Amino acid sequence: MGEYLSIDETSLSDGELYTILTNKAAKGKRGSIVAIIAGTKAADIMKVLRKIPEPKCKWQRSNP
């Protein structure tokens, strides 16, 4: 996982919204998708992001 990540939302079908977290350094190639999360609520997304192992995270965590 790179130092810079991108976050976006998309609707795959029937109005279901997903948040997609991608690694900018991969430039759309292999390893670019970090996570696909059902929903777009910040609290739900943060729960998933906090599950990423600490050594893989290059961003500073706050509010554990």
Protein backbone atom coordinates (compact mmCIF):
# COMPACT_ATOMS: atom_id res chain seq x y z
CA MET A 1 0.00 0.00 0.00
CA GLY A 2 1.44 3.33 -1.00
CA GLU A 3 1.71 6.56 0.90
CA TYR A 4 -1.02 8.23 -1.18
CA LEU A 5 -4.50 6.76 -1.43
CA SER A 6 -7.60 7.76 -3.34
CA ILE A 7 -11.18 7.35 -2.14
CA ASP A 8 -14.27 7.33 -4.34
CA GLU A 9 -17.84 6.08 -4.28
CA THR A 10 -19.72 4.14 -6.93
CA SER A 11 -23.09 2.51 -7.43
CA LEU A 12 -22.76 -1.02 -8.79
CA SER A 13 -26.43 -2.03 -9.06
CA ASP A 14 -29.89 -1.25 -7.71
CA GLY A 15 -28.65 1.90 -5.97
CA GLU A 16 -26.19 0.05 -3.73
CA LEU A 17 -23.35 2.45 -2.89
CA TYR A 18 -19.77 1.32 -2.34
CA THR A 19 -16.65 3.18 -1.27
CA ILE A 20 -13.46 2.21 -3.10
CA LEU A 21 -10.01 2.91 -1.66
CA THR A 22 -7.13 2.70 -4.14
CA ASN A 23 -3.36 2.97 -4.04
CA LYS A 24 -2.29 5.94 -6.18
CA ALA A 25 1.22 4.53 -6.71
CA ALA A 26 -0.17 1.47 -8.56
CA LYS A 27 -1.58 3.78 -11.29
CA GLY A 28 -4.60 1.52 -11.90
CA LYS A 29 -2.56 -1.66 -12.31
CA ARG A 30 -2.12 -4.72 -10.09
CA GLY A 31 -2.39 -3.85 -6.40
CA SER A 32 -4.29 -0.64 -6.91
CA ILE A 33 -7.44 -1.69 -5.02
CA VAL A 34 -6.92 -1.49 -1.27
CA ALA A 35 -10.56 -1.92 -0.17
CA ILE A 36 -14.11 -2.00 -1.46
CA ILE A 37 -16.50 -1.11 1.34
CA ALA A 38 -20.29 -1.39 1.27
CA GLY A 39 -21.84 2.01 1.98
CA THR A 40 -20.52 5.56 2.15
CA LYS A 41 -20.92 6.53 5.81
CA ALA A 42 -17.65 7.82 7.26
CA ALA A 43 -18.06 5.86 10.51
CA ASP A 44 -18.50 2.57 8.63
CA ILE A 45 -15.53 3.27 6.39
CA MET A 46 -13.28 4.14 9.35
CA LYS A 47 -14.19 0.84 11.06
CA VAL A 48 -12.91 -1.05 8.03
CA LEU A 49 -9.80 1.11 7.57
CA ARG A 50 -8.81 0.59 11.20
CA LYS A 51 -8.66 -3.17 10.51
CA ILE A 52 -5.72 -2.71 8.13
CA PRO A 53 -2.59 -3.94 9.94
CA GLU A 54 -0.46 -1.11 11.37
CA PRO A 55 2.73 -1.94 9.39
CA LYS A 56 0.82 -1.50 6.11
CA CYS A 57 -0.50 1.93 7.08
CA LYS A 58 1.55 4.92 6.07
CA TRP A 59 -0.98 7.49 7.22
CA GLN A 60 -1.21 8.71 10.80
CA ARG A 61 -4.08 7.17 12.73
CA SER A 62 -6.14 9.20 15.15
CA ASN A 63 -9.05 8.45 17.48
CA PRO A 64 -8.36 4.70 17.97
